[in-house]
Amino acid sequence: MEKDAEFLEYVVKGLVDHPESVKINRTVDEMGVLLNLDVHQDDMGKIIGRSGNTAKAIRILLRVVGMKNNARVNLKINEPEGGRKSTTTTDDVKSVDDVIEDLKI
């Protein structure tokens, strides 16, 4: 596992109640490194934080780790199965990353 993924795993497992459910998938392309994060549905709030502040801080730290290794590192937090209970149609529902992007994080 690369340093950026190891760092993410260490930070996330320290925040969540279900560290055994933390899964990280690392892909590299011409845009840089993409880390896809899956966590237990009960831990989503801990990873996102109030107003997205925890997710923003994790992303900033990953950028610093990436700069140290001359790579652009991005984080995508995947929505867990059954994670969102909503009465809206699926066309109206935004992903966690879309909401955070709307917050200009």
PDB file of N, CA and C in Angstrom:
ATOM      1  N   MET A   1       0.848  -1.183   0.000  1.00  0.00           N
ATOM      2  CA  MET A   1       0.000   0.000   0.000  1.00  0.00           C
ATOM      3  C   MET A   1       0.889   1.241   0.000  1.00  0.00           C
ATOM      4  N   GLU A   2       0.521   2.223  -0.789  1.00  0.00           N
ATOM      5  CA  GLU A   2       1.289   3.453  -0.900  1.00  0.00           C
ATOM      6  C   GLU A   2       1.088   4.321   0.337  1.00  0.00           C
ATOM      7  N   LYS A   3       1.991   5.279   0.520  1.00  0.00           N
ATOM      8  CA  LYS A   3       1.978   6.140   1.715  1.00  0.00           C
ATOM      9  C   LYS A   3       0.666   6.903   1.875  1.00  0.00           C
ATOM     10  N   ASP A   4       0.101   7.410   0.763  1.00  0.00           N
ATOM     11  CA  ASP A   4      -1.138   8.175   0.878  1.00  0.00           C
ATOM     12  C   ASP A   4      -2.293   7.304   1.366  1.00  0.00           C
ATOM     13  N   ALA A   5      -2.400   6.089   0.856  1.00  0.00           N
ATOM     14  CA  ALA A   5      -3.459   5.179   1.290  1.00  0.00           C
ATOM     15  C   ALA A   5      -3.233   4.712   2.724  1.00  0.00           C
ATOM     16  N   GLU A   6      -1.969   4.472   3.096  1.00  0.00           N
ATOM     17  CA  GLU A   6      -1.665   4.090   4.482  1.00  0.00           C
ATOM     18  C   GLU A   6      -2.045   5.206   5.438  1.00  0.00           C
ATOM     19  N   PHE A   7      -1.730   6.441   5.058  1.00  0.00           N
ATOM     20  CA  PHE A   7      -2.066   7.596   5.891  1.00  0.00           C
ATOM     21  C   PHE A   7      -3.581   7.708   6.064  1.00  0.00           C
ATOM     22  N   LEU A   8      -4.312   7.603   4.942  1.00  0.00           N
ATOM     23  CA  LEU A   8      -5.773   7.687   5.002  1.00  0.00           C
ATOM     24  C   LEU A   8      -6.345   6.593   5.899  1.00  0.00           C
ATOM     25  N   GLU A   9      -5.849   5.378   5.738  1.00  0.00           N
ATOM     26  CA  GLU A   9      -6.332   4.267   6.547  1.00  0.00           C
ATOM     27  C   GLU A   9      -6.098   4.529   8.034  1.00  0.00           C
ATOM     28  N   TYR A  10      -4.916   5.015   8.378  1.00  0.00           N
ATOM     29  CA  TYR A  10      -4.579   5.310   9.781  1.00  0.00           C
ATOM     30  C   TYR A  10      -5.522   6.366  10.357  1.00  0.00           C
ATOM     31  N   VAL A  11      -5.734   7.458   9.618  1.00  0.00           N
ATOM     32  CA  VAL A  11      -6.584   8.544  10.100  1.00  0.00           C
ATOM     33  C   VAL A  11      -8.033   8.083  10.247  1.00  0.00           C
ATOM     34  N   VAL A  12      -8.559   7.436   9.206  1.00  0.00           N
ATOM     35  CA  VAL A  12      -9.970   7.043   9.211  1.00  0.00           C
ATOM     36  C   VAL A  12     -10.245   6.001  10.288  1.00  0.00           C
ATOM     37  N   LYS A  13      -9.373   4.995  10.399  1.00  0.00           N
ATOM     38  CA  LYS A  13      -9.594   3.959  11.421  1.00  0.00           C
ATOM     39  C   LYS A  13      -9.533   4.535  12.829  1.00  0.00           C
ATOM     40  N   GLY A  14      -8.807   5.631  13.004  1.00  0.00           N
ATOM     41  CA  GLY A  14      -8.761   6.298  14.301  1.00  0.00           C
ATOM     42  C   GLY A  14     -10.023   7.075  14.626  1.00  0.00           C
ATOM     43  N   LEU A  15     -10.829   7.388  13.616  1.00  0.00           N
ATOM     44  CA  LEU A  15     -12.041   8.180  13.809  1.00  0.00           C
ATOM     45  C   LEU A  15     -13.315   7.354  13.960  1.00  0.00           C
ATOM     46  N   VAL A  16     -13.339   6.162  13.370  1.00  0.00           N
ATOM     47  CA  VAL A  16     -14.591   5.417  13.245  1.00  0.00           C
ATOM     48  C   VAL A  16     -14.791   4.394  14.371  1.00  0.00           C
ATOM     49  N   ASP A  17     -16.031   3.938  14.517  1.00  0.00           N
ATOM     50  CA  ASP A  17     -16.370   2.894  15.487  1.00  0.00           C
ATOM     51  C   ASP A  17     -16.232   1.495  14.889  1.00  0.00           C
ATOM     52  N   HIS A  18     -16.201   1.405  13.567  1.00  0.00           N
ATOM     53  CA  HIS A  18     -16.117   0.109  12.876  1.00  0.00           C
ATOM     54  C   HIS A  18     -14.894   0.094  11.957  1.00  0.00           C
ATOM     55  N   PRO A  19     -13.679   0.062  12.533  1.00  0.00           N
ATOM     56  CA  PRO A  19     -12.476   0.104  11.687  1.00  0.00           C
ATOM     57  C   PRO A  19     -12.350  -1.087  10.749  1.00  0.00           C
ATOM     58  N   GLU A  20     -12.965  -2.199  11.095  1.00  0.00           N
ATOM     59  CA  GLU A  20     -12.901  -3.382  10.232  1.00  0.00           C
ATOM     60  C   GLU A  20     -13.657  -3.177   8.922  1.00  0.00           C
ATOM     61  N   SER A  21     -14.538  -2.181   8.869  1.00  0.00           N
ATOM     62  CA  SER A  21     -15.323  -1.897   7.663  1.00  0.00           C
ATOM     63  C   SER A  21     -14.656  -0.886   6.735  1.00  0.00           C
ATOM     64  N   VAL A  22     -13.526  -0.331   7.145  1.00  0.00           N
ATOM     65  CA  VAL A  22     -12.839   0.668   6.317  1.00  0.00           C
ATOM     66  C   VAL A  22     -12.165  -0.027   5.136  1.00  0.00           C
ATOM     67  N   LYS A  23     -12.505   0.424   3.940  1.00  0.00           N
ATOM     68  CA  LYS A  23     -11.912  -0.121   2.716  1.00  0.00           C
ATOM     69  C   LYS A  23     -11.427   1.052   1.864  1.00  0.00           C
ATOM     70  N   ILE A  24     -10.218   0.937   1.360  1.00  0.00           N
ATOM     71  CA  ILE A  24      -9.639   1.980   0.516  1.00  0.00           C
ATOM     72  C   ILE A  24      -9.188   1.353  -0.793  1.00  0.00           C
ATOM     73  N   ASN A  25      -9.638   1.943  -1.886  1.00  0.00           N
ATOM     74  CA  ASN A  25      -9.232   1.507  -3.213  1.00  0.00           C
ATOM     75  C   ASN A  25      -8.443   2.645  -3.843  1.00  0.00           C
ATOM     76  N   ARG A  26      -7.210   2.367  -4.243  1.00  0.00           N
ATOM     77  CA  ARG A  26      -6.319   3.400  -4.796  1.00  0.00           C
ATOM     78  C   ARG A  26      -6.136   3.175  -6.292  1.00  0.00           C
ATOM     79  N   THR A  27      -6.419   4.206  -7.081  1.00  0.00           N
ATOM     80  CA  THR A  27      -6.190   4.140  -8.513  1.00  0.00           C
ATOM     81  C   THR A  27      -5.351   5.345  -8.941  1.00  0.00           C
ATOM     82  N   VAL A  28      -4.550   5.139  -9.976  1.00  0.00           N
ATOM     83  CA  VAL A  28      -3.694   6.197 -10.499  1.00  0.00           C
ATOM     84  C   VAL A  28      -3.989   6.362 -11.980  1.00  0.00           C
ATOM     85  N   ASP A  29      -4.166   7.607 -12.408  1.00  0.00           N
ATOM     86  CA  ASP A  29      -4.333   7.903 -13.825  1.00  0.00           C
ATOM     87  C   ASP A  29      -3.625   9.217 -14.136  1.00  0.00           C
ATOM     88  N   GLU A  30      -3.892   9.779 -15.327  1.00  0.00           N
ATOM     89  CA  GLU A  30      -3.215  11.007 -15.720  1.00  0.00           C
ATOM     90  C   GLU A  30      -3.583  12.201 -14.840  1.00  0.00           C
ATOM     91  N   MET A  31      -4.688  12.130 -14.121  1.00  0.00           N
ATOM     92  CA  MET A  31      -5.108  13.210 -13.227  1.00  0.00           C
ATOM     93  C   MET A  31      -4.427  13.121 -11.860  1.00  0.00           C
ATOM     94  N   GLY A  32      -3.848  11.982 -11.536  1.00  0.00           N
ATOM     95  CA  GLY A  32      -3.200  11.799 -10.241  1.00  0.00           C
ATOM     96  C   GLY A  32      -3.717  10.551  -9.555  1.00  0.00           C
ATOM     97  N   VAL A  33      -3.721  10.604  -8.239  1.00  0.00           N
ATOM     98  CA  VAL A  33      -4.140   9.473  -7.414  1.00  0.00           C
ATOM     99  C   VAL A  33      -5.571   9.710  -6.943  1.00  0.00           C
ATOM    100  N   LEU A  34      -6.398   8.683  -7.040  1.00  0.00           N
ATOM    101  CA  LEU A  34      -7.758   8.748  -6.504  1.00  0.00           C
ATOM    102  C   LEU A  34      -7.899   7.677  -5.441  1.00  0.00           C
ATOM    103  N   LEU A  35      -8.245   8.105  -4.242  1.00  0.00           N
ATOM    104  CA  LEU A  35      -8.507   7.173  -3.147  1.00  0.00           C
ATOM    105  C   LEU A  35     -10.013   7.116  -2.942  1.00  0.00           C
ATOM    106  N   ASN A  36     -10.585   5.926  -3.126  1.00  0.00           N
ATOM    107  CA  ASN A  36     -12.009   5.698  -2.874  1.00  0.00           C
ATOM    108  C   ASN A  36     -12.141   5.106  -1.485  1.00  0.00           C
ATOM    109  N   LEU A  37     -12.923   5.745  -0.649  1.00  0.00           N
ATOM    110  CA  LEU A  37     -13.084   5.334   0.744  1.00  0.00           C
ATOM    111  C   LEU A  37     -14.483   4.793   0.981  1.00  0.00           C
ATOM    112  N   ASP A  38     -14.538   3.604   1.550  1.00  0.00           N
ATOM    113  CA  ASP A  38     -15.802   3.012   1.995  1.00  0.00           C
ATOM    114  C   ASP A  38     -15.724   2.818   3.503  1.00  0.00           C
ATOM    115  N   VAL A  39     -16.773   3.253   4.213  1.00  0.00           N
ATOM    116  CA  VAL A  39     -16.849   3.054   5.662  1.00  0.00           C
ATOM    117  C   VAL A  39     -18.229   2.519   6.012  1.00  0.00           C
ATOM    118  N   HIS A  40     -18.357   2.020   7.219  1.00  0.00           N
ATOM    119  CA  HIS A  40     -19.645   1.547   7.732  1.00  0.00           C
ATOM    120  C   HIS A  40     -20.630   2.714   7.730  1.00  0.00           C
ATOM    121  N   GLN A  41     -21.872   2.426   7.406  1.00  0.00           N
ATOM    122  CA  GLN A  41     -22.882   3.485   7.308  1.00  0.00           C
ATOM    123  C   GLN A  41     -23.007   4.293   8.602  1.00  0.00           C
ATOM    124  N   ASP A  42     -22.817   3.672   9.766  1.00  0.00           N
ATOM    125  CA  ASP A  42     -22.918   4.401  11.038  1.00  0.00           C
ATOM    126  C   ASP A  42     -21.762   5.368  11.245  1.00  0.00           C
ATOM    127  N   ASP A  43     -20.683   5.220  10.494  1.00  0.00           N
ATOM    128  CA  ASP A  43     -19.500   6.058  10.659  1.00  0.00           C
ATOM    129  C   ASP A  43     -19.427   7.223   9.674  1.00  0.00           C
ATOM    130  N   MET A  44     -20.375   7.335   8.759  1.00  0.00           N
ATOM    131  CA  MET A  44     -20.323   8.402   7.752  1.00  0.00           C
ATOM    132  C   MET A  44     -20.264   9.786   8.385  1.00  0.00           C
ATOM    133  N   GLY A  45     -21.047  10.013   9.415  1.00  0.00           N
ATOM    134  CA  GLY A  45     -21.058  11.326  10.077  1.00  0.00           C
ATOM    135  C   GLY A  45     -19.717  11.679  10.677  1.00  0.00           C
ATOM    136  N   LYS A  46     -19.007  10.693  11.189  1.00  0.00           N
ATOM    137  CA  LYS A  46     -17.689  10.942  11.783  1.00  0.00           C
ATOM    138  C   LYS A  46     -16.671  11.326  10.715  1.00  0.00           C
ATOM    139  N   ILE A  47     -16.802  10.744   9.532  1.00  0.00           N
ATOM    140  CA  ILE A  47     -15.860  11.027   8.449  1.00  0.00           C
ATOM    141  C   ILE A  47     -16.179  12.365   7.786  1.00  0.00           C
ATOM    142  N   ILE A  48     -17.448  12.677   7.611  1.00  0.00           N
ATOM    143  CA  ILE A  48     -17.837  13.936   6.982  1.00  0.00           C
ATOM    144  C   ILE A  48     -17.658  15.096   7.961  1.00  0.00           C
ATOM    145  N   GLY A  49     -18.123  14.920   9.190  1.00  0.00           N
ATOM    146  CA  GLY A  49     -18.008  15.980  10.191  1.00  0.00           C
ATOM    147  C   GLY A  49     -19.054  17.066   9.997  1.00  0.00           C
ATOM    148  N   ARG A  50     -19.135  17.944  10.972  1.00  0.00           N
ATOM    149  CA  ARG A  50     -20.098  19.041  10.910  1.00  0.00           C
ATOM    150  C   ARG A  50     -19.718  19.966   9.752  1.00  0.00           C
ATOM    151  N   SER A  51     -20.687  20.230   8.893  1.00  0.00           N
ATOM    152  CA  SER A  51     -20.496  21.064   7.697  1.00  0.00           C
ATOM    153  C   SER A  51     -19.376  20.565   6.793  1.00  0.00           C
ATOM    154  N   GLY A  52     -19.047  19.290   6.888  1.00  0.00           N
ATOM    155  CA  GLY A  52     -18.012  18.725   6.023  1.00  0.00           C
ATOM    156  C   GLY A  52     -16.590  19.034   6.469  1.00  0.00           C
ATOM    157  N   ASN A  53     -16.436  19.552   7.678  1.00  0.00           N
ATOM    158  CA  ASN A  53     -15.112  19.990   8.131  1.00  0.00           C
ATOM    159  C   ASN A  53     -14.104  18.862   8.279  1.00  0.00           C
ATOM    160  N   THR A  54     -14.534  17.703   8.745  1.00  0.00           N
ATOM    161  CA  THR A  54     -13.598  16.584   8.899  1.00  0.00           C
ATOM    162  C   THR A  54     -13.134  16.092   7.535  1.00  0.00           C
ATOM    163  N   ALA A  55     -14.071  15.935   6.605  1.00  0.00           N
ATOM    164  CA  ALA A  55     -13.704  15.507   5.246  1.00  0.00           C
ATOM    165  C   ALA A  55     -12.767  16.527   4.603  1.00  0.00           C
ATOM    166  N   LYS A  56     -13.034  17.801   4.812  1.00  0.00           N
ATOM    167  CA  LYS A  56     -12.183  18.856   4.257  1.00  0.00           C
ATOM    168  C   LYS A  56     -10.767  18.747   4.830  1.00  0.00           C
ATOM    169  N   ALA A  57     -10.659  18.547   6.134  1.00  0.00           N
ATOM    170  CA  ALA A  57      -9.341  18.434   6.773  1.00  0.00           C
ATOM    171  C   ALA A  57      -8.581  17.215   6.256  1.00  0.00           C
ATOM    172  N   ILE A  58      -9.272  16.089   6.101  1.00  0.00           N
ATOM    173  CA  ILE A  58      -8.625  14.875   5.583  1.00  0.00           C
ATOM    174  C   ILE A  58      -8.120  15.131   4.162  1.00  0.00           C
ATOM    175  N   ARG A  59      -8.924  15.799   3.342  1.00  0.00           N
ATOM    176  CA  ARG A  59      -8.513  16.093   1.963  1.00  0.00           C
ATOM    177  C   ARG A  59      -7.291  17.018   1.930  1.00  0.00           C
ATOM    178  N   ILE A  60      -7.261  18.018   2.803  1.00  0.00           N
ATOM    179  CA  ILE A  60      -6.110  18.925   2.863  1.00  0.00           C
ATOM    180  C   ILE A  60      -4.854  18.152   3.251  1.00  0.00           C
ATOM    181  N   LEU A  61      -4.966  17.305   4.253  1.00  0.00           N
ATOM    182  CA  LEU A  61      -3.809  16.515   4.680  1.00  0.00           C
ATOM    183  C   LEU A  61      -3.341  15.568   3.574  1.00  0.00           C
ATOM    184  N   LEU A  62      -4.280  14.990   2.837  1.00  0.00           N
ATOM    185  CA  LEU A  62      -3.902  14.112   1.724  1.00  0.00           C
ATOM    186  C   LEU A  62      -3.179  14.893   0.624  1.00  0.00           C
ATOM    187  N   ARG A  63      -3.593  16.140   0.394  1.00  0.00           N
ATOM    188  CA  ARG A  63      -2.880  16.962  -0.589  1.00  0.00           C
ATOM    189  C   ARG A  63      -1.444  17.202  -0.151  1.00  0.00           C
ATOM    190  N   VAL A  64      -1.242  17.430   1.151  1.00  0.00           N
ATOM    191  CA  VAL A  64       0.111  17.637   1.674  1.00  0.00           C
ATOM    192  C   VAL A  64       0.944  16.370   1.498  1.00  0.00           C
ATOM    193  N   VAL A  65       0.371  15.220   1.826  1.00  0.00           N
ATOM    194  CA  VAL A  65       1.067  13.943   1.634  1.00  0.00           C
ATOM    195  C   VAL A  65       1.398  13.768   0.152  1.00  0.00           C
ATOM    196  N   GLY A  66       0.462  14.114  -0.715  1.00  0.00           N
ATOM    197  CA  GLY A  66       0.686  14.003  -2.148  1.00  0.00           C
ATOM    198  C   GLY A  66       1.794  14.916  -2.634  1.00  0.00           C
ATOM    199  N   MET A  67       1.813  16.161  -2.133  1.00  0.00           N
ATOM    200  CA  MET A  67       2.868  17.099  -2.540  1.00  0.00           C
ATOM    201  C   MET A  67       4.241  16.579  -2.148  1.00  0.00           C
ATOM    202  N   LYS A  68       4.312  15.963  -0.993  1.00  0.00           N
ATOM    203  CA  LYS A  68       5.581  15.409  -0.535  1.00  0.00           C
ATOM    204  C   LYS A  68       6.067  14.308  -1.482  1.00  0.00           C
ATOM    205  N   ASN A  69       5.117  13.609  -2.113  1.00  0.00           N
ATOM    206  CA  ASN A  69       5.455  12.518  -3.027  1.00  0.00           C
ATOM    207  C   ASN A  69       5.251  12.908  -4.496  1.00  0.00           C
ATOM    208  N   ASN A  70       5.152  14.222  -4.770  1.00  0.00           N
ATOM    209  CA  ASN A  70       4.977  14.732  -6.137  1.00  0.00           C
ATOM    210  C   ASN A  70       3.776  14.115  -6.848  1.00  0.00           C
ATOM    211  N   ALA A  71       2.653  14.023  -6.160  1.00  0.00           N
ATOM    212  CA  ALA A  71       1.441  13.464  -6.748  1.00  0.00           C
ATOM    213  C   ALA A  71       0.233  14.288  -6.306  1.00  0.00           C
ATOM    214  N   ARG A  72      -0.769  14.337  -7.161  1.00  0.00           N
ATOM    215  CA  ARG A  72      -2.026  14.977  -6.798  1.00  0.00           C
ATOM    216  C   ARG A  72      -2.945  13.888  -6.256  1.00  0.00           C
ATOM    217  N   VAL A  73      -3.386  14.040  -5.007  1.00  0.00           N
ATOM    218  CA  VAL A  73      -4.201  13.016  -4.353  1.00  0.00           C
ATOM    219  C   VAL A  73      -5.611  13.560  -4.132  1.00  0.00           C
ATOM    220  N   ASN A  74      -6.606  12.818  -4.593  1.00  0.00           N
ATOM    221  CA  ASN A  74      -8.008  13.171  -4.395  1.00  0.00           C
ATOM    222  C   ASN A  74      -8.699  12.063  -3.617  1.00  0.00           C
ATOM    223  N   LEU A  75      -9.691  12.449  -2.837  1.00  0.00           N
ATOM    224  CA  LEU A  75     -10.441  11.497  -2.022  1.00  0.00           C
ATOM    225  C   LEU A  75     -11.902  11.503  -2.433  1.00  0.00           C
ATOM    226  N   LYS A  76     -12.438  10.312  -2.681  1.00  0.00           N
ATOM    227  CA  LYS A  76     -13.872  10.142  -2.933  1.00  0.00           C
ATOM    228  C   LYS A  76     -14.429   9.285  -1.813  1.00  0.00           C
ATOM    229  N   ILE A  77     -15.410   9.813  -1.111  1.00  0.00           N
ATOM    230  CA  ILE A  77     -16.058   9.071  -0.028  1.00  0.00           C
ATOM    231  C   ILE A  77     -17.329   8.458  -0.610  1.00  0.00           C
ATOM    232  N   ASN A  78     -17.357   7.132  -0.658  1.00  0.00           N
ATOM    233  CA  ASN A  78     -18.494   6.436  -1.253  1.00  0.00           C
ATOM    234  C   ASN A  78     -19.643   6.333  -0.260  1.00  0.00           C
ATOM    235  N   GLU A  79     -20.836   6.520  -0.763  1.00  0.00           N
ATOM    236  CA  GLU A  79     -22.054   6.392   0.043  1.00  0.00           C
ATOM    237  C   GLU A  79     -22.284   4.914   0.345  1.00  0.00           C
ATOM    238  N   PRO A  80     -22.440   4.541   1.633  1.00  0.00           N
ATOM    239  CA  PRO A  80     -22.680   3.129   1.949  1.00  0.00           C
ATOM    240  C   PRO A  80     -24.063   2.673   1.497  1.00  0.00           C
ATOM    241  N   GLU A  81     -24.193   1.370   1.285  1.00  0.00           N
ATOM    242  CA  GLU A  81     -25.490   0.799   0.914  1.00  0.00           C
ATOM    243  C   GLU A  81     -26.513   1.115   1.993  1.00  0.00           C
ATOM    244  N   GLY A  82     -27.663   1.637   1.577  1.00  0.00           N
ATOM    245  CA  GLY A  82     -28.714   1.956   2.536  1.00  0.00           C
ATOM    246  C   GLY A  82     -28.337   3.104   3.450  1.00  0.00           C
ATOM    247  N   GLY A  83     -27.360   3.890   3.056  1.00  0.00           N
ATOM    248  CA  GLY A  83     -26.848   4.949   3.909  1.00  0.00           C
ATOM    249  C   GLY A  83     -27.740   6.162   4.007  1.00  0.00           C
ATOM    250  N   ARG A  84     -28.556   6.387   3.021  1.00  0.00           N
ATOM    251  CA  ARG A  84     -29.383   7.584   3.023  1.00  0.00           C
ATOM    252  C   ARG A  84     -30.834   7.187   2.946  1.00  0.00           C
ATOM    253  N   LYS A  85     -31.590   7.618   3.922  1.00  0.00           N
ATOM    254  CA  LYS A  85     -33.017   7.347   3.917  1.00  0.00           C
ATOM    255  C   LYS A  85     -33.711   8.650   3.558  1.00  0.00           C
ATOM    256  N   SER A  86     -34.319   8.662   2.383  1.00  0.00           N
ATOM    257  CA  SER A  86     -34.896   9.897   1.884  1.00  0.00           C
ATOM    258  C   SER A  86     -36.199   9.604   1.162  1.00  0.00           C
ATOM    259  N   THR A  87     -37.096  10.580   1.176  1.00  0.00           N
ATOM    260  CA  THR A  87     -38.358  10.416   0.463  1.00  0.00           C
ATOM    261  C   THR A  87     -38.272  10.996  -0.940  1.00  0.00           C
ATOM    262  N   THR A  88     -37.126  11.619  -1.286  1.00  0.00           N
ATOM    263  CA  THR A  88     -36.969  12.181  -2.627  1.00  0.00           C
ATOM    264  C   THR A  88     -36.628  11.074  -3.612  1.00  0.00           C
ATOM    265  N   THR A  89     -36.827  11.366  -4.877  1.00  0.00           N
ATOM    266  CA  THR A  89     -36.462  10.384  -5.889  1.00  0.00           C
ATOM    267  C   THR A  89     -34.952  10.348  -6.031  1.00  0.00           C
ATOM    268  N   THR A  90     -34.445   9.288  -6.612  1.00  0.00           N
ATOM    269  CA  THR A  90     -32.999   9.154  -6.764  1.00  0.00           C
ATOM    270  C   THR A  90     -32.432  10.233  -7.681  1.00  0.00           C
ATOM    271  N   ASP A  91     -33.263  10.817  -8.550  1.00  0.00           N
ATOM    272  CA  ASP A  91     -32.785  11.892  -9.427  1.00  0.00           C
ATOM    273  C   ASP A  91     -32.476  13.152  -8.632  1.00  0.00           C
ATOM    274  N   ASP A  92     -33.151  13.343  -7.494  1.00  0.00           N
ATOM    275  CA  ASP A  92     -32.961  14.541  -6.674  1.00  0.00           C
ATOM    276  C   ASP A  92     -31.863  14.375  -5.636  1.00  0.00           C
ATOM    277  N   VAL A  93     -31.362  13.175  -5.442  1.00  0.00           N
ATOM    278  CA  VAL A  93     -30.404  12.893  -4.380  1.00  0.00           C
ATOM    279  C   VAL A  93     -28.988  13.145  -4.872  1.00  0.00           C
ATOM    280  N   LYS A  94     -28.212  13.886  -4.051  1.00  0.00           N
ATOM    281  CA  LYS A  94     -26.816  14.146  -4.383  1.00  0.00           C
ATOM    282  C   LYS A  94     -25.936  13.194  -3.589  1.00  0.00           C
ATOM    283  N   SER A  95     -24.768  12.886  -4.143  1.00  0.00           N
ATOM    284  CA  SER A  95     -23.810  12.063  -3.420  1.00  0.00           C
ATOM    285  C   SER A  95     -23.138  12.921  -2.358  1.00  0.00           C
ATOM    286  N   VAL A  96     -22.470  12.281  -1.417  1.00  0.00           N
ATOM    287  CA  VAL A  96     -21.733  12.978  -0.371  1.00  0.00           C
ATOM    288  C   VAL A  96     -20.715  13.922  -1.000  1.00  0.00           C
ATOM    289  N   ASP A  97     -19.999  13.452  -2.014  1.00  0.00           N
ATOM    290  CA  ASP A  97     -18.983  14.279  -2.667  1.00  0.00           C
ATOM    291  C   ASP A  97     -19.601  15.480  -3.376  1.00  0.00           C
ATOM    292  N   ASP A  98     -20.811  15.319  -3.959  1.00  0.00           N
ATOM    293  CA  ASP A  98     -21.477  16.452  -4.603  1.00  0.00           C
ATOM    294  C   ASP A  98     -21.843  17.517  -3.580  1.00  0.00           C
ATOM    295  N   VAL A  99     -22.322  17.098  -2.427  1.00  0.00           N
ATOM    296  CA  VAL A  99     -22.695  18.047  -1.380  1.00  0.00           C
ATOM    297  C   VAL A  99     -21.458  18.778  -0.892  1.00  0.00           C
ATOM    298  N   ILE A 100     -20.372  18.059  -0.676  1.00  0.00           N
ATOM    299  CA  ILE A 100     -19.129  18.687  -0.212  1.00  0.00           C
ATOM    300  C   ILE A 100     -18.607  19.640  -1.280  1.00  0.00           C
ATOM    301  N   GLU A 101     -18.708  19.257  -2.544  1.00  0.00           N
ATOM    302  CA  GLU A 101     -18.280  20.140  -3.631  1.00  0.00           C
ATOM    303  C   GLU A 101     -19.105  21.413  -3.628  1.00  0.00           C
ATOM    304  N   ASP A 102     -20.420  21.292  -3.351  1.00  0.00           N
ATOM    305  CA  ASP A 102     -21.289  22.472  -3.271  1.00  0.00           C
ATOM    306  C   ASP A 102     -20.840  23.407  -2.145  1.00  0.00           C
ATOM    307  N   LEU A 103     -20.251  22.848  -1.121  1.00  0.00           N
ATOM    308  CA  LEU A 103     -19.760  23.656   0.003  1.00  0.00           C
ATOM    309  C   LEU A 103     -18.429  24.318  -0.313  1.00  0.00           C
ATOM    310  N   LYS A 104     -17.897  24.070  -1.522  1.00  0.00           N
ATOM    311  CA  LYS A 104     -16.628  24.646  -1.978  1.00  0.00           C
ATOM    312  C   LYS A 104     -15.454  24.172  -1.126  1.00  0.00           C
ATOM    313  N   ILE A 105     -15.478  22.886  -0.806  1.00  0.00           N
ATOM    314  CA  ILE A 105     -14.392  22.315   0.000  1.00  0.00           C
ATOM    315  C   ILE A 105     -13.303  21.800  -0.899  1.00  0.00           C
TER     316      ILE A 105
END
